[in-house]
Amino acid sequence: MKEGRDFVQPILYKPESRTHKDEESSEWETHVIAQEMLEDGTMFSDEMRAIVQKIFSGEDINAQEKAAFKITRGNWWYDKYGFPFYNKVARSEVLRRTYAPQEGVEKARFLQEELVGAFAEGDEVRIKELKHEYQELFPEQLEGMEALFGIGQFLEDQKFIDNYHGSKTWGKAKERLESLTEYNFLVTDFVQNNSEDKEFLEKFWKVMQQISEKTGDLKKLQIFQRSIVSQVAVMKIYEKLGMHPRLSHPREDAFWAVDMWADTETALQVKGGKAKNMGKDGVVLRVDTIAFPSVSVVGKERIGRERKEAMERFHVSSYFFREAQRFQAKTSKLSEQTGENIKAYMIGVPYQKIDPITGEPDQKLIESMRAQIEKEFNQASEA
């Protein structure tokens, strides 16, 4: 990053183009954010550093300075943390983990565990007491509680999308779809950050199951849980390779099928499944360069032969192959819209190779994926 210039927004999401009612932070958050921006000060212009210093010192700034600061802060935040600043719940969680006094963090975690335990036992009186105490102490609500209380709305949104037909209700469907992917972001991040505490996550998933059983949606929850732990597994694998993957913005997930980014130009979509469908040691398939058979240029007999040969080459099911084709089409359009050369990969993760509670991948899967990812990285570097 060159010294003295304001952050340039990564390739997709532009927070300065939207205004959100939840964007504003508390006085404490504003102070620690300004402190962090000052520590990263060489990444901003002299004018912006002066504005940030005023905010840190508690001085008033005018409307023009405030507008410029919001744009720069949004770009800086997304570039550093991988999700938009207006995501208040996730933002508060990150700042509290980093800056809140340790006793406050421990108290919040204790209440989370107590509340999850009360849900698991069906203790309505205790649930009410804990919710009140939690909301009194932490009005922003840490993401664990948002994840727990949001499952009902998630299941409702999922039903709406499953039954969606036609363009007349597209506005509502679009809103529901983004809500689904925002919730996916929230729970994936929550499981990722608590993956070292399996006992706590076991209680968390148990409560989620109890809630979904009451509405007859247990199967949907099971599919959702597998999807979450598969994404966490891939995050962990890339981190073990010394990379810094980050979850996609919910809009990228909803409309472009991007689950996460390995870097600013490498889009990943993760699919979990049985080993016979995903390869016993997982599969890493670059979809923006592979030539899938096309009905417009070859006959049916040749299509079947080429499809079978490609499936055997990558040891995957026809379902995975179809999904890879769809992802190729979406990322191709995304590249056209952004003018960026996006590299797109489908990652197949066998369920048998990951912990169903925490998403922790087993060592054989890590080594297999490491070899495949490094091979793809080397080929991309040579191209």
Protein backbone atom coordinates (compact mmCIF):
# COMPACT_ATOMS: atom_id res chain seq x y z
CA MET A 1 0.00 0.00 0.00
CA LYS A 2 1.50 3.33 -1.00
CA GLU A 3 2.06 5.91 1.68
CA GLY A 4 -0.22 8.92 1.82
CA ARG A 5 -3.22 7.69 -0.18
CA ASP A 6 -6.64 6.77 1.10
CA PHE A 7 -7.73 3.15 1.03
CA VAL A 8 -8.93 1.86 -2.34
CA GLN A 9 -11.98 -0.33 -1.94
CA PRO A 10 -11.61 -4.01 -2.87
CA ILE A 11 -13.14 -5.10 -6.13
CA LEU A 12 -16.80 -5.57 -5.26
CA TYR A 13 -18.52 -3.94 -2.35
CA LYS A 14 -18.62 -0.14 -2.17
CA PRO A 15 -19.88 0.93 1.25
CA GLU A 16 -19.78 4.61 0.36
CA SER A 17 -22.63 4.02 -2.09
CA ARG A 18 -25.14 3.15 0.64
CA THR A 19 -26.37 4.61 3.92
CA HIS A 20 -27.43 2.25 6.70
CA LYS A 21 -29.30 3.12 9.86
CA ASP A 22 -27.05 0.81 11.90
CA GLU A 23 -23.80 2.33 10.63
CA GLU A 24 -23.10 4.68 13.54
CA SER A 25 -20.93 3.36 16.36
CA SER A 26 -21.01 4.09 20.09
CA GLU A 27 -18.68 6.65 21.65
CA TRP A 28 -16.39 3.86 22.86
CA GLU A 29 -16.30 2.21 19.42
CA THR A 30 -15.62 5.55 17.70
CA HIS A 31 -12.63 6.13 19.99
CA VAL A 32 -11.02 2.71 19.47
CA ILE A 33 -11.66 2.81 15.71
CA ALA A 34 -9.97 6.22 15.47
CA GLN A 35 -7.08 4.87 17.54
CA GLU A 36 -6.68 1.92 15.16
CA MET A 37 -6.88 4.18 12.10
CA LEU A 38 -4.13 6.38 13.57
CA GLU A 39 -1.97 3.28 13.99
CA ASP A 40 -2.53 2.58 10.28
CA GLY A 41 -2.03 6.30 9.57
CA THR A 42 0.49 6.04 6.72
CA MET A 43 -2.25 4.47 4.61
CA PHE A 44 -4.25 7.71 4.59
CA SER A 45 -3.73 11.21 3.22
CA ASP A 46 -2.48 14.02 5.47
CA GLU A 47 -5.96 15.57 5.44
CA MET A 48 -7.61 12.33 6.54
CA ARG A 49 -5.06 11.73 9.29
CA ALA A 50 -5.86 15.20 10.65
CA ILE A 51 -9.60 14.41 10.67
CA VAL A 52 -9.03 11.09 12.43
CA GLN A 53 -6.86 12.81 15.03
CA LYS A 54 -9.67 15.28 15.74
CA ILE A 55 -12.13 12.42 16.22
CA PHE A 56 -9.70 10.58 18.50
CA SER A 57 -9.24 13.71 20.59
CA GLY A 58 -12.99 14.25 20.86
CA GLU A 59 -13.03 17.42 18.77
CA ASP A 60 -15.97 18.36 16.58
CA ILE A 61 -15.67 17.98 12.79
CA ASN A 62 -17.77 19.69 10.13
CA ALA A 63 -20.22 17.99 7.75
CA GLN A 64 -17.72 17.80 4.87
CA GLU A 65 -15.07 16.20 7.08
CA LYS A 66 -17.64 13.77 8.48
CA ALA A 67 -18.70 12.67 4.99
CA ALA A 68 -15.10 12.13 3.88
CA PHE A 69 -14.32 10.22 7.07
CA LYS A 70 -17.29 7.85 6.64
CA ILE A 71 -16.19 6.90 3.13
CA THR A 72 -12.57 6.33 4.13
CA ARG A 73 -13.51 4.47 7.31
CA GLY A 74 -15.84 2.15 5.36
CA ASN A 75 -13.19 1.32 2.78
CA TRP A 76 -10.47 0.85 5.42
CA TRP A 77 -12.67 -1.37 7.58
CA TYR A 78 -13.72 -3.67 4.73
CA ASP A 79 -10.15 -3.96 3.47
CA LYS A 80 -8.88 -4.88 6.94
CA TYR A 81 -11.66 -7.09 8.30
CA GLY A 82 -13.40 -8.43 5.21
CA PHE A 83 -16.98 -7.38 5.98
CA PRO A 84 -18.78 -4.02 5.73
CA PHE A 85 -18.65 -1.50 8.54
CA TYR A 86 -22.44 -1.23 8.73
CA ASN A 87 -22.66 -4.87 9.93
CA LYS A 88 -23.07 -3.65 13.49
CA VAL A 89 -23.22 -7.02 15.25
CA ALA A 90 -20.06 -8.42 13.67
CA ARG A 91 -18.29 -5.06 14.05
CA SER A 92 -19.06 -4.88 17.77
CA GLU A 93 -17.88 -8.45 18.21
CA VAL A 94 -14.52 -7.74 16.56
CA LEU A 95 -13.91 -4.60 18.61
CA ARG A 96 -14.91 -6.19 21.90
CA ARG A 97 -12.64 -9.18 21.33
CA THR A 98 -9.74 -6.82 20.64
CA TYR A 99 -10.24 -3.88 22.97
CA ALA A 100 -12.78 -4.61 25.71
CA PRO A 101 -11.41 -5.25 29.22
CA GLN A 102 -10.82 -8.98 29.71
CA GLU A 103 -13.34 -9.20 32.54
CA GLY A 104 -16.02 -7.82 30.19
CA VAL A 105 -15.20 -10.37 27.50
CA GLU A 106 -15.25 -13.19 30.07
CA LYS A 107 -18.60 -11.99 31.46
CA ALA A 108 -20.13 -11.90 27.97
CA ARG A 109 -18.86 -15.38 27.22
CA PHE A 110 -20.18 -16.67 30.57
CA LEU A 111 -23.64 -15.29 29.78
CA GLN A 112 -23.51 -16.81 26.30
CA GLU A 113 -22.74 -20.23 27.77
CA GLU A 114 -25.38 -19.87 30.47
CA LEU A 115 -28.00 -18.80 27.96
CA VAL A 116 -27.22 -21.62 25.56
CA GLY A 117 -27.37 -24.05 28.48
CA ALA A 118 -30.74 -22.67 29.59
CA PHE A 119 -32.09 -23.08 26.06
CA ALA A 120 -30.79 -26.65 25.97
CA GLU A 121 -32.61 -27.44 29.24
CA GLY A 122 -35.76 -25.60 28.24
CA ASP A 123 -35.62 -23.42 31.36
CA GLU A 124 -37.91 -20.56 30.31
CA VAL A 125 -37.53 -18.60 33.57
CA ARG A 126 -33.73 -18.75 33.41
CA ILE A 127 -33.75 -17.84 29.71
CA LYS A 128 -35.78 -14.71 30.46
CA GLU A 129 -33.47 -13.70 33.31
CA LEU A 130 -30.30 -14.24 31.30
CA LYS A 131 -31.61 -12.45 28.22
CA HIS A 132 -32.47 -9.44 30.36
CA GLU A 133 -29.04 -9.42 32.05
CA TYR A 134 -27.26 -9.93 28.75
CA GLN A 135 -29.10 -7.12 27.00
CA GLU A 136 -28.54 -4.78 29.94
CA LEU A 137 -24.79 -5.35 29.94
CA PHE A 138 -24.30 -5.72 26.18
CA PRO A 139 -27.05 -3.83 24.34
CA GLU A 140 -25.32 -4.32 20.97
CA GLN A 141 -25.60 -8.11 21.45
CA LEU A 142 -22.60 -10.19 20.53
CA GLU A 143 -22.92 -12.34 17.45
CA GLY A 144 -23.44 -15.60 19.37
CA MET A 145 -26.80 -14.45 20.64
CA GLU A 146 -27.76 -12.98 17.28
CA ALA A 147 -26.95 -16.38 15.77
CA LEU A 148 -29.06 -18.21 18.33
CA PHE A 149 -32.09 -15.93 18.22
CA GLY A 150 -31.96 -15.58 14.44
CA ILE A 151 -32.53 -19.22 13.54
CA GLY A 152 -36.32 -18.83 13.49
CA GLN A 153 -36.16 -16.00 10.94
CA PHE A 154 -33.58 -17.95 8.92
CA LEU A 155 -35.88 -20.97 8.65
CA GLU A 156 -38.79 -18.71 7.67
CA ASP A 157 -36.69 -16.97 5.00
CA GLN A 158 -35.49 -20.34 3.71
CA LYS A 159 -39.08 -21.57 3.30
CA PHE A 160 -39.96 -18.41 1.37
CA ILE A 161 -37.02 -18.87 -1.02
CA ASP A 162 -37.74 -22.59 -1.47
CA ASN A 163 -41.31 -21.76 -2.50
CA TYR A 164 -40.45 -18.69 -4.56
CA HIS A 165 -41.88 -18.58 -8.09
CA GLY A 166 -42.04 -15.83 -10.68
CA SER A 167 -40.94 -12.22 -10.81
CA LYS A 168 -43.90 -10.58 -9.06
CA THR A 169 -42.38 -11.10 -5.62
CA TRP A 170 -38.74 -10.65 -6.65
CA GLY A 171 -38.31 -7.65 -4.36
CA LYS A 172 -39.26 -9.69 -1.29
CA ALA A 173 -37.25 -12.68 -2.49
CA LYS A 174 -34.17 -10.50 -2.98
CA GLU A 175 -34.51 -9.14 0.55
CA ARG A 176 -34.98 -12.63 2.00
CA LEU A 177 -32.03 -13.99 0.04
CA GLU A 178 -29.72 -11.30 1.38
CA SER A 179 -31.05 -11.94 4.89
CA LEU A 180 -30.18 -15.63 4.50
CA THR A 181 -26.63 -14.91 3.45
CA GLU A 182 -26.15 -12.33 6.21
CA TYR A 183 -27.19 -14.97 8.72
CA ASN A 184 -24.85 -17.48 7.06
CA PHE A 185 -22.01 -14.96 7.51
CA LEU A 186 -22.90 -14.46 11.16
CA VAL A 187 -23.03 -18.16 12.09
CA THR A 188 -19.93 -19.11 10.07
CA ASP A 189 -17.94 -16.39 11.80
CA PHE A 190 -19.34 -17.45 15.19
CA VAL A 191 -18.41 -21.13 14.71
CA GLN A 192 -15.00 -20.20 13.33
CA ASN A 193 -14.19 -18.04 16.35
CA ASN A 194 -15.44 -20.61 18.87
CA SER A 195 -14.11 -23.73 17.14
CA GLU A 196 -11.58 -24.41 19.91
CA ASP A 197 -14.42 -24.90 22.41
CA LYS A 198 -16.23 -27.97 21.15
CA GLU A 199 -18.33 -28.41 24.29
CA PHE A 200 -19.80 -24.92 23.89
CA LEU A 201 -20.53 -25.44 20.17
CA GLU A 202 -22.18 -28.79 20.93
CA LYS A 203 -24.63 -26.93 23.20
CA PHE A 204 -25.10 -24.25 20.55
CA TRP A 205 -26.00 -26.73 17.79
CA LYS A 206 -28.21 -28.68 20.19
CA VAL A 207 -30.26 -25.57 20.91
CA MET A 208 -30.50 -24.80 17.19
CA GLN A 209 -31.79 -28.32 16.62
CA GLN A 210 -34.38 -28.01 19.39
CA ILE A 211 -35.69 -24.77 17.90
CA SER A 212 -35.87 -26.21 14.38
CA GLU A 213 -37.54 -29.42 15.59
CA LYS A 214 -40.42 -27.39 17.02
CA THR A 215 -41.10 -25.87 13.59
CA GLY A 216 -40.56 -29.11 11.67
CA ASP A 217 -37.41 -27.79 10.02
CA LEU A 218 -34.76 -30.12 11.45
CA LYS A 219 -33.65 -31.31 8.01
CA LYS A 220 -33.07 -27.71 6.88
CA LEU A 221 -31.02 -27.06 10.00
CA GLN A 222 -28.91 -30.17 9.37
CA ILE A 223 -28.18 -29.03 5.81
CA PHE A 224 -27.34 -25.56 7.12
CA GLN A 225 -25.00 -26.95 9.80
CA ARG A 226 -23.12 -29.06 7.26
CA SER A 227 -22.74 -26.03 5.02
CA ILE A 228 -21.39 -23.93 7.88
CA VAL A 229 -18.81 -26.46 9.10
CA SER A 230 -17.69 -27.11 5.50
CA GLN A 231 -16.96 -23.40 5.04
CA VAL A 232 -15.17 -23.25 8.40
CA ALA A 233 -13.04 -26.24 7.36
CA VAL A 234 -11.94 -24.48 4.18
CA MET A 235 -11.20 -21.28 6.12
CA LYS A 236 -9.00 -23.28 8.48
CA ILE A 237 -7.19 -25.06 5.65
CA TYR A 238 -6.33 -21.80 3.89
CA GLU A 239 -5.20 -20.28 7.19
CA LYS A 240 -2.91 -23.28 7.78
CA LEU A 241 -1.34 -22.47 4.40
CA GLY A 242 -0.44 -19.03 5.74
CA MET A 243 -3.17 -17.30 3.73
CA HIS A 244 -5.81 -14.89 4.99
CA PRO A 245 -9.22 -15.99 3.64
CA ARG A 246 -12.27 -13.91 4.46
CA LEU A 247 -15.97 -14.50 4.17
CA SER A 248 -17.67 -12.81 1.26
CA HIS A 249 -20.04 -9.90 1.70
CA PRO A 250 -23.61 -11.27 1.92
CA ARG A 251 -24.52 -9.64 -1.41
CA GLU A 252 -21.63 -11.44 -3.13
CA ASP A 253 -22.83 -14.71 -1.62
CA ALA A 254 -26.50 -14.11 -2.45
CA PHE A 255 -26.14 -12.99 -6.06
CA TRP A 256 -22.73 -14.29 -7.22
CA ALA A 257 -22.49 -17.52 -5.16
CA VAL A 258 -19.11 -16.51 -3.68
CA ASP A 259 -18.71 -18.04 -0.20
CA MET A 260 -15.31 -16.52 0.58
CA TRP A 261 -12.21 -14.93 -0.92
CA ALA A 262 -8.74 -16.49 -0.65
CA ASP A 263 -7.43 -13.06 -1.69
CA THR A 264 -8.92 -10.04 -3.47
CA GLU A 265 -9.03 -11.84 -6.84
CA THR A 266 -9.64 -15.48 -5.87
CA ALA A 267 -13.30 -16.42 -5.32
CA LEU A 268 -14.22 -19.68 -3.61
CA GLN A 269 -17.45 -21.63 -3.48
CA VAL A 270 -17.54 -24.48 -0.98
CA LYS A 271 -19.57 -27.67 -1.33
CA GLY A 272 -19.72 -30.37 1.32
CA GLY A 273 -20.88 -33.89 0.65
CA LYS A 274 -20.19 -37.60 0.92
CA ALA A 275 -16.69 -38.75 0.04
CA LYS A 276 -17.95 -40.63 -3.03
CA ASN A 277 -19.28 -37.33 -4.41
CA MET A 278 -16.47 -34.97 -3.36
CA GLY A 279 -13.43 -37.23 -3.62
CA LYS A 280 -12.18 -39.01 -0.52
CA ASP A 281 -9.55 -36.31 0.09
CA GLY A 282 -11.46 -33.33 -1.24
CA VAL A 283 -11.17 -31.52 -4.55
CA VAL A 284 -9.99 -28.09 -5.67
CA LEU A 285 -11.34 -27.28 -9.14
CA ARG A 286 -10.59 -24.04 -10.95
CA VAL A 287 -13.75 -23.30 -12.89
CA ASP A 288 -12.86 -20.13 -14.80
CA THR A 289 -10.36 -21.99 -17.02
CA ILE A 290 -11.94 -25.42 -17.45
CA ALA A 291 -13.79 -26.03 -20.73
CA PHE A 292 -17.14 -27.59 -19.83
CA PRO A 293 -19.00 -29.44 -22.65
CA SER A 294 -21.50 -27.17 -24.38
CA VAL A 295 -24.76 -28.28 -26.02
CA SER A 296 -24.36 -25.60 -28.67
CA VAL A 297 -21.18 -27.04 -30.19
CA VAL A 298 -21.22 -30.80 -29.62
CA GLY A 299 -23.70 -33.62 -29.97
CA LYS A 300 -25.32 -35.47 -27.09
CA GLU A 301 -23.06 -38.52 -27.41
CA ARG A 302 -19.92 -36.41 -27.19
CA ILE A 303 -21.32 -34.33 -24.33
CA GLY A 304 -21.85 -37.47 -22.29
CA ARG A 305 -18.34 -38.75 -23.01
CA GLU A 306 -16.61 -35.45 -22.24
CA ARG A 307 -18.66 -34.93 -19.07
CA LYS A 308 -17.81 -38.43 -17.85
CA GLU A 309 -14.09 -37.95 -18.61
CA ALA A 310 -14.04 -34.63 -16.74
CA MET A 311 -15.90 -36.11 -13.76
CA GLU A 312 -13.45 -39.01 -13.59
CA ARG A 313 -10.53 -36.62 -13.81
CA PHE A 314 -11.69 -34.65 -10.79
CA HIS A 315 -13.34 -37.60 -8.94
CA VAL A 316 -16.58 -35.73 -8.32
CA SER A 317 -20.31 -36.30 -8.74
CA SER A 318 -22.50 -34.94 -11.53
CA TYR A 319 -24.08 -32.61 -8.93
CA PHE A 320 -20.69 -31.06 -8.09
CA PHE A 321 -19.95 -30.77 -11.80
CA ARG A 322 -23.24 -28.96 -12.49
CA GLU A 323 -22.64 -26.58 -9.58
CA ALA A 324 -19.14 -25.86 -10.92
CA GLN A 325 -20.67 -24.92 -14.27
CA ARG A 326 -23.11 -22.55 -12.59
CA PHE A 327 -20.33 -20.97 -10.56
CA GLN A 328 -18.28 -20.54 -13.71
CA ALA A 329 -21.15 -18.67 -15.36
CA LYS A 330 -21.69 -16.37 -12.35
CA THR A 331 -18.02 -15.49 -11.85
CA SER A 332 -17.60 -14.91 -15.57
CA LYS A 333 -20.34 -12.27 -15.42
CA LEU A 334 -18.82 -10.89 -12.23
CA SER A 335 -15.46 -10.46 -13.98
CA GLU A 336 -17.18 -8.64 -16.82
CA GLN A 337 -19.00 -6.28 -14.45
CA THR A 338 -15.98 -5.43 -12.32
CA GLY A 339 -13.28 -5.53 -15.00
CA GLU A 340 -11.24 -7.75 -12.69
CA ASN A 341 -9.57 -11.02 -13.64
CA ILE A 342 -11.29 -13.15 -11.02
CA LYS A 343 -9.94 -16.64 -10.43
CA ALA A 344 -12.77 -18.94 -9.34
CA TYR A 345 -12.50 -22.27 -7.53
CA MET A 346 -15.00 -24.89 -6.41
CA ILE A 347 -13.86 -26.58 -3.22
CA GLY A 348 -15.34 -30.00 -2.49
CA VAL A 349 -15.15 -31.11 1.15
CA PRO A 350 -16.08 -34.67 2.23
CA TYR A 351 -18.14 -34.59 5.43
CA GLN A 352 -16.30 -37.63 6.79
CA LYS A 353 -13.08 -35.59 6.91
CA ILE A 354 -14.31 -32.70 9.08
CA ASP A 355 -15.64 -32.39 12.61
CA PRO A 356 -19.45 -31.94 12.30
CA ILE A 357 -19.52 -29.61 15.32
CA THR A 358 -16.46 -27.35 14.90
CA GLY A 359 -15.50 -27.79 11.24
CA GLU A 360 -11.97 -28.85 12.17
CA PRO A 361 -10.48 -30.73 9.13
CA ASP A 362 -8.52 -33.92 9.70
CA GLN A 363 -4.82 -34.03 8.84
CA LYS A 364 -5.19 -36.11 5.66
CA LEU A 365 -7.68 -33.63 4.25
CA ILE A 366 -5.39 -30.72 5.13
CA GLU A 367 -2.41 -32.31 3.36
CA SER A 368 -4.45 -33.31 0.31
CA MET A 369 -5.97 -29.85 -0.04
CA ARG A 370 -2.59 -28.24 0.62
CA ALA A 371 -1.08 -30.12 -2.32
CA GLN A 372 -3.99 -29.24 -4.62
CA ILE A 373 -4.10 -25.56 -3.60
CA GLU A 374 -0.34 -25.12 -3.94
CA LYS A 375 -0.43 -26.80 -7.35
CA GLU A 376 -3.18 -24.46 -8.52
CA PHE A 377 -1.36 -21.46 -7.06
CA ASN A 378 1.86 -22.38 -8.89
CA GLN A 379 0.02 -22.91 -12.17
CA ALA A 380 -1.74 -19.55 -11.81
CA SER A 381 1.62 -17.85 -11.11
CA GLU A 382 3.18 -19.38 -14.22
CA ALA A 383 0.26 -18.43 -16.47
